[in-house]
Amino acid sequence: MLIFFRLIAALEGISYIALFYNMLYNKPNNPELYQQLLYPIGMIHGILFVLYFILAIYLKFEYNWSMKKLGLVLLASLLPFGTFYSDYKWLKN
């Protein structure tokens, strides 16, 4: 299950970066492309974020994580590149 969580974490991080790219580069330069990409990227990111959150809580009980570790893993999902740092720092075993 940890391998699946790490995969979801990586995909969630990539989708977060894609949302930022769309917002920062496509919105001012190509508003039509921005509008076309916003919904699909946002929906994918939302689904991955919810999966990340649910799996993190599940893994807290399966691997007996402390509340601090769970909090840090969940906080990392709110920061750009945070899921990659979380994977490197706390999830590689």
Protein backbone atom coordinates (compact mmCIF):
# COMPACT_ATOMS: atom_id res chain seq x y z
CA MET A 1 0.00 0.00 0.00
CA LEU A 2 2.91 2.33 0.65
CA ILE A 3 4.07 1.99 -2.97
CA PHE A 4 0.57 2.91 -4.18
CA PHE A 5 0.55 5.91 -1.82
CA ARG A 6 3.93 7.05 -3.12
CA LEU A 7 2.61 6.81 -6.70
CA ILE A 8 -0.49 8.84 -5.81
CA ALA A 9 1.73 11.38 -4.02
CA ALA A 10 3.90 11.80 -7.12
CA LEU A 11 0.89 12.15 -9.41
CA GLU A 12 -0.74 14.62 -7.01
CA GLY A 13 2.44 16.69 -6.97
CA ILE A 14 2.65 16.69 -10.76
CA SER A 15 -1.01 17.71 -11.08
CA TYR A 16 -0.43 20.54 -8.57
CA ILE A 17 2.49 21.82 -10.63
CA ALA A 18 0.36 21.53 -13.80
CA LEU A 19 -2.33 23.69 -12.16
CA PHE A 20 0.25 26.31 -11.22
CA TYR A 21 1.73 26.27 -14.70
CA ASN A 22 -1.70 26.70 -16.23
CA MET A 23 -2.48 29.58 -13.87
CA LEU A 24 0.82 31.42 -14.14
CA TYR A 25 1.69 30.97 -17.83
CA ASN A 26 -1.43 30.09 -19.77
CA LYS A 27 -3.87 32.48 -18.09
CA PRO A 28 -2.05 35.71 -19.05
CA ASN A 29 -0.70 34.48 -22.39
CA ASN A 30 -3.46 32.25 -23.74
CA PRO A 31 -6.77 32.66 -21.87
CA GLU A 32 -8.63 30.25 -24.17
CA LEU A 33 -6.18 27.43 -23.49
CA TYR A 34 -6.31 28.28 -19.79
CA GLN A 35 -10.10 27.83 -19.77
CA GLN A 36 -9.89 24.56 -21.70
CA LEU A 37 -7.30 23.05 -19.35
CA LEU A 38 -8.61 24.36 -16.04
CA TYR A 39 -11.48 21.89 -15.53
CA PRO A 40 -9.72 18.64 -16.54
CA ILE A 41 -6.51 19.41 -14.65
CA GLY A 42 -8.48 20.66 -11.65
CA MET A 43 -10.68 17.57 -11.58
CA ILE A 44 -7.70 15.21 -11.83
CA HIS A 45 -5.88 17.12 -9.11
CA GLY A 46 -8.95 17.08 -6.86
CA ILE A 47 -9.39 13.33 -7.17
CA LEU A 48 -5.70 12.70 -6.52
CA PHE A 49 -5.71 15.06 -3.52
CA VAL A 50 -8.67 13.25 -1.93
CA LEU A 51 -7.00 9.87 -2.58
CA TYR A 52 -3.75 11.19 -1.05
CA PHE A 53 -5.59 12.40 2.04
CA ILE A 54 -7.56 9.16 2.54
CA LEU A 55 -4.51 6.96 1.95
CA ALA A 56 -2.40 9.02 4.37
CA ILE A 57 -4.97 8.47 7.11
CA TYR A 58 -5.16 4.76 6.27
CA LEU A 59 -1.35 4.44 6.38
CA LYS A 60 -1.24 6.24 9.73
CA PHE A 61 -3.08 3.27 11.25
CA GLU A 62 -1.43 0.56 9.13
CA TYR A 63 2.15 1.72 9.86
CA ASN A 64 1.45 3.24 13.28
CA TRP A 65 2.55 6.73 12.27
CA SER A 66 2.57 9.42 14.91
CA MET A 67 0.14 12.32 14.60
CA LYS A 68 3.13 14.55 13.89
CA LYS A 69 4.20 12.45 10.90
CA LEU A 70 0.64 12.32 9.59
CA GLY A 71 0.33 16.08 9.99
CA LEU A 72 3.58 16.71 8.15
CA VAL A 73 2.64 14.35 5.31
CA LEU A 74 -0.75 16.07 4.96
CA LEU A 75 0.80 19.54 5.21
CA ALA A 76 3.25 18.62 2.46
CA SER A 77 0.34 18.08 0.08
CA LEU A 78 -0.54 21.78 0.38
CA LEU A 79 2.86 23.01 -0.78
CA PRO A 80 4.22 22.91 -4.33
CA PHE A 81 6.83 20.15 -4.49
CA GLY A 82 5.77 19.15 -0.96
CA THR A 83 4.70 15.64 -1.92
CA PHE A 84 8.10 15.02 -3.49
CA TYR A 85 9.83 16.20 -0.31
CA SER A 86 7.48 14.07 1.77
CA ASP A 87 8.31 11.02 -0.32
CA TYR A 88 12.04 11.64 -0.01
CA LYS A 89 12.04 12.51 3.69
CA TRP A 90 9.40 10.28 5.30
CA LEU A 91 8.17 7.60 2.91
CA LYS A 92 11.29 5.95 1.49
CA ASN A 93 12.07 2.86 3.54
